[in-house]
């Protein structure tokens, strides 16, 4: 490993066994997290899971009841917010309406000379695509433009850490998608260590190097978007990220289970639990399988939803009474389904490598 690679892989932010309580409510339950230098990590979860409290604790806006925080080798556990060297971007933009765009961006530049501030403001506004907007006021800008000004202000002092608290949730879909890519581009270009809070799973998947999925003040799983999606560690993660099929099973052997009237092959797992649920993503369900495929059975299409680049089919099978199986298929596969007389059903396969066992 080269020196540069070692530096890239070094831990920049370390959260160790942090607890935070509000009266009898535990907002953070011994949370530990490590963010590498130059990495973007998303804290993802539903409202009330503790993600914003964790971000505010790292920022020093909340004081933890126990645990330690280290940033760039410094213990910042007890430091005031102004001594922690971060930029922060809120959902509400928090721009000063009575200050010009230039003055908003220059607000945190401290002891720079007037000329240095002017040059820095010009550089920052150019970076976020707002050249020539120095003399405008926030009220003259769109929501997306205001958020760009807020981002320029957060980055202007060259902070070592960027904290983003649901910064795009108030924007419409098209602007939000554009700024997701823009923030990701700037973050990579300047190698800014970034921690972002979001409740939007698609936003986390697009923007993050790694995702920490939170629930009830704890981190349920921390990994790359692909790891989180393909091999969820808990039923909550499996349900929260993407769509899921759940099939109750009874174990017959180490590698075979009974689901309704079906006997399905699975990958042998260490738990060897007698019963539980099988998890499977809709895109893993295969249609038109041949006789050599294991886990093959007949199913009928009972509903379909057009999703633009694919269709989501709802399938029912006599062998799975009371169960609806979701299958995501390409437009070409859907055309083939539509052209067939499927009153008697079509052959469906659940590949054993796509089936994951949960209690």
Protein backbone atom coordinates (compact mmCIF):
# COMPACT_ATOMS: atom_id res chain seq x y z
CA UNK A 1 0.00 0.00 0.00
CA UNK A 2 1.41 3.41 -0.98
CA UNK A 3 1.69 6.31 1.45
CA UNK A 4 -1.10 8.15 -0.37
CA UNK A 5 -3.36 5.12 -0.17
CA UNK A 6 -2.61 4.71 3.52
CA UNK A 7 -3.53 8.34 4.10
CA UNK A 8 -6.78 7.91 2.16
CA UNK A 9 -7.70 4.89 4.28
CA UNK A 10 -6.85 6.60 7.60
CA UNK A 11 -9.70 7.17 10.04
CA UNK A 12 -10.51 10.88 10.24
CA UNK A 13 -13.58 10.87 12.49
CA UNK A 14 -14.05 8.38 15.30
CA UNK A 15 -17.19 8.07 17.42
CA UNK A 16 -16.74 5.73 20.37
CA UNK A 17 -19.55 4.36 22.54
CA UNK A 18 -21.51 7.62 22.46
CA UNK A 19 -24.70 7.82 24.51
CA UNK A 20 -27.22 10.64 24.57
CA UNK A 21 -30.42 10.76 26.60
CA UNK A 22 -33.25 13.25 26.75
CA UNK A 23 -34.88 12.51 30.09
CA UNK A 24 -35.90 8.85 30.02
CA UNK A 25 -35.55 8.64 26.22
CA UNK A 26 -32.30 7.20 24.86
CA UNK A 27 -31.54 8.96 21.58
CA UNK A 28 -28.09 7.38 21.08
CA UNK A 29 -27.34 3.96 22.53
CA UNK A 30 -23.55 3.39 22.67
CA UNK A 31 -23.02 4.37 19.04
CA UNK A 32 -19.59 3.75 17.49
CA UNK A 33 -18.62 4.86 13.99
CA UNK A 34 -15.45 5.51 12.00
CA UNK A 35 -15.28 7.74 8.92
CA UNK A 36 -12.19 7.62 6.70
CA UNK A 37 -10.41 10.71 5.46
CA UNK A 38 -12.05 12.01 2.28
CA UNK A 39 -15.01 9.66 2.58
CA UNK A 40 -18.72 10.49 2.38
CA UNK A 41 -20.82 8.60 4.91
CA UNK A 42 -24.62 8.84 5.10
CA UNK A 43 -26.57 8.35 8.31
CA UNK A 44 -29.80 6.81 7.06
CA UNK A 45 -32.96 5.95 8.92
CA UNK A 46 -36.55 6.91 9.73
CA UNK A 47 -37.55 9.94 11.79
CA UNK A 48 -36.57 9.58 15.44
CA UNK A 49 -33.84 6.98 14.86
CA UNK A 50 -31.07 9.22 16.26
CA UNK A 51 -29.27 10.27 13.07
CA UNK A 52 -29.68 14.04 13.54
CA UNK A 53 -28.82 13.77 17.23
CA UNK A 54 -25.59 11.98 16.28
CA UNK A 55 -24.73 14.70 13.74
CA UNK A 56 -25.45 17.47 16.27
CA UNK A 57 -23.35 15.68 18.89
CA UNK A 58 -20.40 15.49 16.48
CA UNK A 59 -20.91 19.21 15.76
CA UNK A 60 -20.94 20.05 19.46
CA UNK A 61 -24.50 21.39 19.28
CA UNK A 62 -25.53 18.60 21.67
CA UNK A 63 -23.32 17.27 24.47
CA UNK A 64 -23.09 13.47 24.78
CA UNK A 65 -23.73 11.88 28.19
CA UNK A 66 -20.87 9.46 27.68
CA UNK A 67 -18.45 8.34 24.99
CA UNK A 68 -15.62 10.02 23.07
CA UNK A 69 -15.26 11.86 19.76
CA UNK A 70 -11.99 12.22 17.82
CA UNK A 71 -11.45 14.19 14.60
CA UNK A 72 -8.12 14.28 12.74
CA UNK A 73 -6.35 12.84 15.78
CA UNK A 74 -7.82 15.41 18.21
CA UNK A 75 -10.15 14.61 21.09
CA UNK A 76 -13.07 16.96 20.42
CA UNK A 77 -15.43 15.40 22.97
CA UNK A 78 -15.63 18.53 25.13
CA UNK A 79 -14.69 21.23 22.62
CA UNK A 80 -17.20 23.99 21.79
CA UNK A 81 -18.61 23.97 18.25
CA UNK A 82 -16.39 26.82 17.01
CA UNK A 83 -13.26 24.85 17.91
CA UNK A 84 -14.18 21.68 15.98
CA UNK A 85 -13.28 22.84 12.43
CA UNK A 86 -16.34 21.81 10.44
CA UNK A 87 -18.74 23.32 7.95
CA UNK A 88 -22.43 22.58 8.33
CA UNK A 89 -25.33 22.73 5.90
CA UNK A 90 -28.91 22.56 7.16
CA UNK A 91 -32.20 21.72 5.47
CA UNK A 92 -33.42 25.28 6.11
CA UNK A 93 -30.38 26.91 4.37
CA UNK A 94 -30.07 29.37 7.35
CA UNK A 95 -29.01 32.25 5.11
CA UNK A 96 -29.19 35.81 6.43
CA UNK A 97 -31.99 37.45 4.38
CA UNK A 98 -30.65 40.99 4.99
CA UNK A 99 -27.16 40.14 3.69
CA UNK A 100 -26.13 39.83 0.07
CA UNK A 101 -25.02 36.51 -1.35
CA UNK A 102 -21.39 37.67 -1.12
CA UNK A 103 -21.76 38.66 2.53
CA UNK A 104 -23.48 35.37 3.37
CA UNK A 105 -20.63 33.36 1.86
CA UNK A 106 -17.99 35.59 3.52
CA UNK A 107 -19.64 35.39 6.94
CA UNK A 108 -17.35 32.69 8.35
CA UNK A 109 -14.08 33.84 6.80
CA UNK A 110 -12.83 35.55 9.95
CA UNK A 111 -9.64 37.57 9.75
CA UNK A 112 -9.04 37.53 6.02
CA UNK A 113 -8.46 40.88 4.37
CA UNK A 114 -11.30 42.41 2.36
CA UNK A 115 -9.54 41.52 -0.90
CA UNK A 116 -8.93 37.92 0.21
CA UNK A 117 -12.57 37.55 1.20
CA UNK A 118 -13.73 38.94 -2.16
CA UNK A 119 -11.49 36.48 -4.01
CA UNK A 120 -12.63 33.57 -1.86
CA UNK A 121 -16.31 34.43 -2.35
CA UNK A 122 -15.83 34.64 -6.13
CA UNK A 123 -14.07 31.28 -6.11
CA UNK A 124 -16.78 29.60 -4.02
CA UNK A 125 -19.68 30.96 -6.06
CA UNK A 126 -17.99 29.87 -9.26
CA UNK A 127 -17.49 26.41 -7.79
CA UNK A 128 -21.22 26.02 -7.09
CA UNK A 129 -22.26 27.54 -10.44
CA UNK A 130 -23.46 30.94 -9.22
CA UNK A 131 -20.98 33.29 -10.91
CA UNK A 132 -22.17 36.90 -10.87
CA UNK A 133 -24.65 36.43 -8.01
CA UNK A 134 -22.60 38.33 -5.41
CA UNK A 135 -24.94 41.33 -5.14
CA UNK A 136 -28.22 39.41 -5.07
CA UNK A 137 -30.14 38.68 -1.87
CA UNK A 138 -31.44 35.26 -0.78
CA UNK A 139 -35.04 36.28 -1.46
CA UNK A 140 -34.17 36.80 -5.12
CA UNK A 141 -32.93 33.21 -5.53
CA UNK A 142 -34.71 29.88 -6.05
CA UNK A 143 -34.56 27.21 -3.36
CA UNK A 144 -31.86 25.32 -5.26
CA UNK A 145 -29.78 28.49 -5.67
CA UNK A 146 -30.13 29.31 -1.97
CA UNK A 147 -28.89 25.85 -1.09
CA UNK A 148 -25.89 26.38 -3.36
CA UNK A 149 -25.09 29.62 -1.51
CA UNK A 150 -25.37 27.77 1.80
CA UNK A 151 -23.01 25.09 0.48
CA UNK A 152 -20.52 27.75 -0.69
CA UNK A 153 -20.66 29.34 2.79
CA UNK A 154 -20.05 25.99 4.49
CA UNK A 155 -17.03 25.27 2.26
CA UNK A 156 -15.53 28.78 2.20
CA UNK A 157 -13.40 28.41 5.37
CA UNK A 158 -11.95 25.10 4.01
CA UNK A 159 -13.25 22.98 6.92
CA UNK A 160 -11.71 19.59 7.54
CA UNK A 161 -15.18 18.07 8.03
CA UNK A 162 -18.47 18.81 6.27
CA UNK A 163 -21.74 18.01 8.08
CA UNK A 164 -24.97 17.89 6.04
CA UNK A 165 -28.33 17.70 7.83
CA UNK A 166 -30.94 16.63 5.24
CA UNK A 167 -29.79 19.53 3.03
CA UNK A 168 -31.89 18.63 -0.03
CA UNK A 169 -35.19 17.42 1.43
CA UNK A 170 -37.00 20.74 0.91
CA UNK A 171 -36.21 20.86 -2.84
CA UNK A 172 -38.25 19.47 -5.73
CA UNK A 173 -37.16 16.16 -7.26
CA UNK A 174 -35.32 17.48 -10.32
CA UNK A 175 -33.31 20.09 -8.40
CA UNK A 176 -32.59 17.60 -5.64
CA UNK A 177 -31.21 15.01 -8.06
CA UNK A 178 -29.00 17.62 -9.73
CA UNK A 179 -27.59 18.86 -6.40
CA UNK A 180 -26.99 15.30 -5.20
CA UNK A 181 -24.57 14.80 -8.08
CA UNK A 182 -23.10 18.30 -7.66
CA UNK A 183 -22.36 17.83 -3.95
CA UNK A 184 -20.92 14.39 -4.66
CA UNK A 185 -18.67 15.87 -7.39
CA UNK A 186 -17.38 18.66 -5.15
CA UNK A 187 -16.87 16.29 -2.25
CA UNK A 188 -14.72 14.00 -4.39
CA UNK A 189 -12.88 16.85 -6.11
CA UNK A 190 -11.77 18.44 -2.83
CA UNK A 191 -11.60 15.18 -0.82
CA UNK A 192 -13.73 16.64 1.97
CA UNK A 193 -14.57 14.19 4.74
CA UNK A 194 -18.37 14.38 4.84
CA UNK A 195 -21.11 13.07 7.11
CA UNK A 196 -24.66 13.47 5.82
CA UNK A 197 -28.03 12.80 7.45
CA UNK A 198 -30.89 11.65 5.23
CA UNK A 199 -34.10 9.63 5.46
CA UNK A 200 -34.09 9.11 1.67
CA UNK A 201 -32.65 5.70 0.79
CA UNK A 202 -32.12 6.58 -2.89
CA UNK A 203 -30.22 9.73 -1.93
CA UNK A 204 -27.95 7.70 0.37
CA UNK A 205 -27.34 5.07 -2.32
CA UNK A 206 -26.41 7.74 -4.90
CA UNK A 207 -24.18 9.89 -2.71
CA UNK A 208 -22.48 7.74 -0.08
CA UNK A 209 -19.27 5.73 -0.07
CA UNK A 210 -20.69 3.95 2.97
CA UNK A 211 -24.06 4.03 4.72
CA UNK A 212 -24.85 3.68 8.43
CA UNK A 213 -28.46 2.51 8.76
CA UNK A 214 -29.87 3.60 12.14
CA UNK A 215 -32.87 2.51 14.18
CA UNK A 216 -33.75 3.19 17.84
CA UNK A 217 -30.51 5.05 18.51
CA UNK A 218 -28.29 2.25 17.21
CA UNK A 219 -26.45 1.48 13.98
CA UNK A 220 -28.04 -1.64 12.51
CA UNK A 221 -25.54 -1.98 9.65
CA UNK A 222 -22.58 0.01 8.31
CA UNK A 223 -21.29 -0.80 4.85
CA UNK A 224 -21.15 0.15 1.19
CA UNK A 225 -24.44 0.75 -0.66
CA UNK A 226 -24.01 -2.59 -2.43
CA UNK A 227 -23.40 -4.46 0.85
CA UNK A 228 -26.39 -2.81 2.50
CA UNK A 229 -28.67 -3.61 -0.43
CA UNK A 230 -27.50 -7.09 -1.39
CA UNK A 231 -26.71 -8.54 2.05
CA UNK A 232 -28.75 -6.69 4.68
CA UNK A 233 -27.70 -7.60 8.20
CA UNK A 234 -31.15 -7.34 9.81
CA UNK A 235 -34.81 -7.52 8.73
CA UNK A 236 -35.13 -3.78 9.41
CA UNK A 237 -32.32 -2.96 6.95
CA UNK A 238 -33.79 -5.35 4.36
CA UNK A 239 -37.18 -3.64 4.62
CA UNK A 240 -35.92 -0.06 4.82
CA UNK A 241 -33.64 -0.29 1.77
CA UNK A 242 -35.55 -1.14 -1.40
CA UNK A 243 -38.39 -3.63 -1.83
CA UNK A 244 -38.42 -7.04 -0.21
CA UNK A 245 -40.19 -10.38 -0.51
CA UNK A 246 -40.67 -12.24 2.79
CA UNK A 247 -41.54 -15.96 2.81
CA UNK A 248 -42.13 -17.79 6.14
CA UNK A 249 -40.33 -21.14 6.16
CA UNK A 250 -39.86 -24.32 8.13
CA UNK A 251 -36.48 -26.00 7.83
CA UNK A 252 -36.32 -29.51 6.39
CA UNK A 253 -32.53 -29.87 6.32
CA UNK A 254 -29.41 -27.73 6.31
CA UNK A 255 -30.02 -26.61 2.74
CA UNK A 256 -33.74 -27.15 2.20
CA UNK A 257 -36.83 -25.43 3.63
CA UNK A 258 -40.60 -25.72 3.22
CA UNK A 259 -42.47 -22.56 2.18
CA UNK A 260 -46.19 -23.20 1.83
CA UNK A 261 -46.41 -26.17 -0.52
CA UNK A 262 -42.91 -25.66 -1.94
CA UNK A 263 -39.61 -27.26 -1.02
CA UNK A 264 -36.90 -24.69 -1.72
CA UNK A 265 -33.14 -25.06 -1.76
CA UNK A 266 -31.17 -22.43 0.13
CA UNK A 267 -27.52 -21.69 0.81
CA UNK A 268 -26.50 -23.53 4.01
CA UNK A 269 -26.37 -21.03 6.88
CA UNK A 270 -24.69 -21.22 10.25
CA UNK A 271 -27.80 -20.51 12.31
CA UNK A 272 -29.57 -23.74 11.32
CA UNK A 273 -32.76 -22.20 12.80
CA UNK A 274 -35.84 -24.42 12.57
CA UNK A 275 -38.09 -21.68 11.19
CA UNK A 276 -37.99 -18.05 10.13
CA UNK A 277 -38.37 -15.94 7.01
CA UNK A 278 -36.67 -16.00 3.64
CA UNK A 279 -35.76 -12.63 2.16
CA UNK A 280 -35.50 -12.04 -1.59
CA UNK A 281 -35.26 -8.87 -3.72
CA UNK A 282 -37.89 -8.50 -6.50
CA UNK A 283 -35.24 -8.25 -9.24
CA UNK A 284 -33.83 -11.63 -8.18
CA UNK A 285 -37.08 -13.43 -9.11
CA UNK A 286 -36.59 -15.10 -12.50
CA UNK A 287 -39.26 -15.77 -15.12
CA UNK A 288 -39.29 -18.31 -17.97
CA UNK A 289 -36.86 -20.67 -16.23
CA UNK A 290 -36.21 -24.11 -17.66
CA UNK A 291 -36.76 -27.48 -16.03
CA UNK A 292 -33.18 -27.76 -14.81
CA UNK A 293 -33.62 -24.83 -12.40
CA UNK A 294 -34.13 -25.56 -8.73
CA UNK A 295 -36.87 -23.68 -6.82
CA UNK A 296 -39.08 -23.56 -9.92
CA UNK A 297 -42.87 -23.27 -9.66
CA UNK A 298 -45.94 -21.93 -11.46
CA UNK A 299 -47.35 -18.47 -10.65
CA UNK A 300 -49.93 -16.09 -12.10
CA UNK A 301 -49.60 -12.34 -12.69
CA UNK A 302 -52.28 -10.63 -10.58
CA UNK A 303 -51.10 -7.03 -10.93
CA UNK A 304 -48.43 -4.95 -12.64
CA UNK A 305 -46.93 -1.48 -12.12
CA UNK A 306 -45.00 0.49 -14.73
CA UNK A 307 -41.81 1.99 -13.23
CA UNK A 308 -40.29 3.56 -16.34
CA UNK A 309 -37.28 1.34 -16.94
CA UNK A 310 -38.97 -1.82 -15.67
CA UNK A 311 -42.25 -3.38 -14.54
CA UNK A 312 -43.09 -4.66 -11.07
CA UNK A 313 -45.28 -7.75 -11.27
CA UNK A 314 -47.34 -9.09 -8.40
CA UNK A 315 -47.41 -12.89 -8.60
CA UNK A 316 -49.66 -15.41 -6.87
CA UNK A 317 -49.01 -19.16 -6.73
CA UNK A 318 -51.23 -22.00 -5.56
CA UNK A 319 -48.20 -23.41 -3.76
CA UNK A 320 -47.88 -20.14 -1.78
CA UNK A 321 -51.38 -19.53 -0.39
CA UNK A 322 -51.87 -16.03 0.98
CA UNK A 323 -48.52 -14.83 -0.40
CA UNK A 324 -47.90 -12.22 -3.07
CA UNK A 325 -44.48 -12.33 -4.68
CA UNK A 326 -43.04 -9.18 -6.27
CA UNK A 327 -40.87 -9.54 -9.38
CA UNK A 328 -39.09 -6.67 -11.15
CA UNK A 329 -38.65 -7.41 -14.84
CA UNK A 330 -37.38 -5.54 -17.89
CA UNK A 331 -39.75 -4.08 -20.48
CA UNK A 332 -38.71 -6.86 -22.87
CA UNK A 333 -39.55 -9.56 -20.33
CA UNK A 334 -42.88 -7.86 -19.62
CA UNK A 335 -43.72 -7.84 -23.34
CA UNK A 336 -43.06 -11.56 -23.43
CA UNK A 337 -45.35 -12.09 -20.43
CA UNK A 338 -48.08 -9.96 -22.03
CA UNK A 339 -47.89 -11.95 -25.29
CA UNK A 340 -48.46 -15.30 -23.57
CA UNK A 341 -51.66 -16.91 -22.40
CA UNK A 342 -50.74 -17.13 -18.73
CA UNK A 343 -54.06 -18.34 -17.31
CA UNK A 344 -52.33 -21.54 -16.28
CA UNK A 345 -49.39 -19.58 -14.92
CA UNK A 346 -45.79 -19.07 -15.95
CA UNK A 347 -42.66 -20.67 -14.58
CA UNK A 348 -40.93 -18.69 -11.86
CA UNK A 349 -37.64 -19.43 -10.10
CA UNK A 350 -36.22 -18.19 -6.80
CA UNK A 351 -32.43 -18.69 -7.19
CA UNK A 352 -31.08 -20.14 -3.98
CA UNK A 353 -28.18 -17.67 -3.88
CA UNK A 354 -30.72 -14.83 -3.73
CA UNK A 355 -32.53 -16.26 -0.68
CA UNK A 356 -31.33 -15.01 2.70
CA UNK A 357 -32.46 -16.51 6.00
CA UNK A 358 -33.69 -14.34 8.89
CA UNK A 359 -35.24 -15.22 12.21
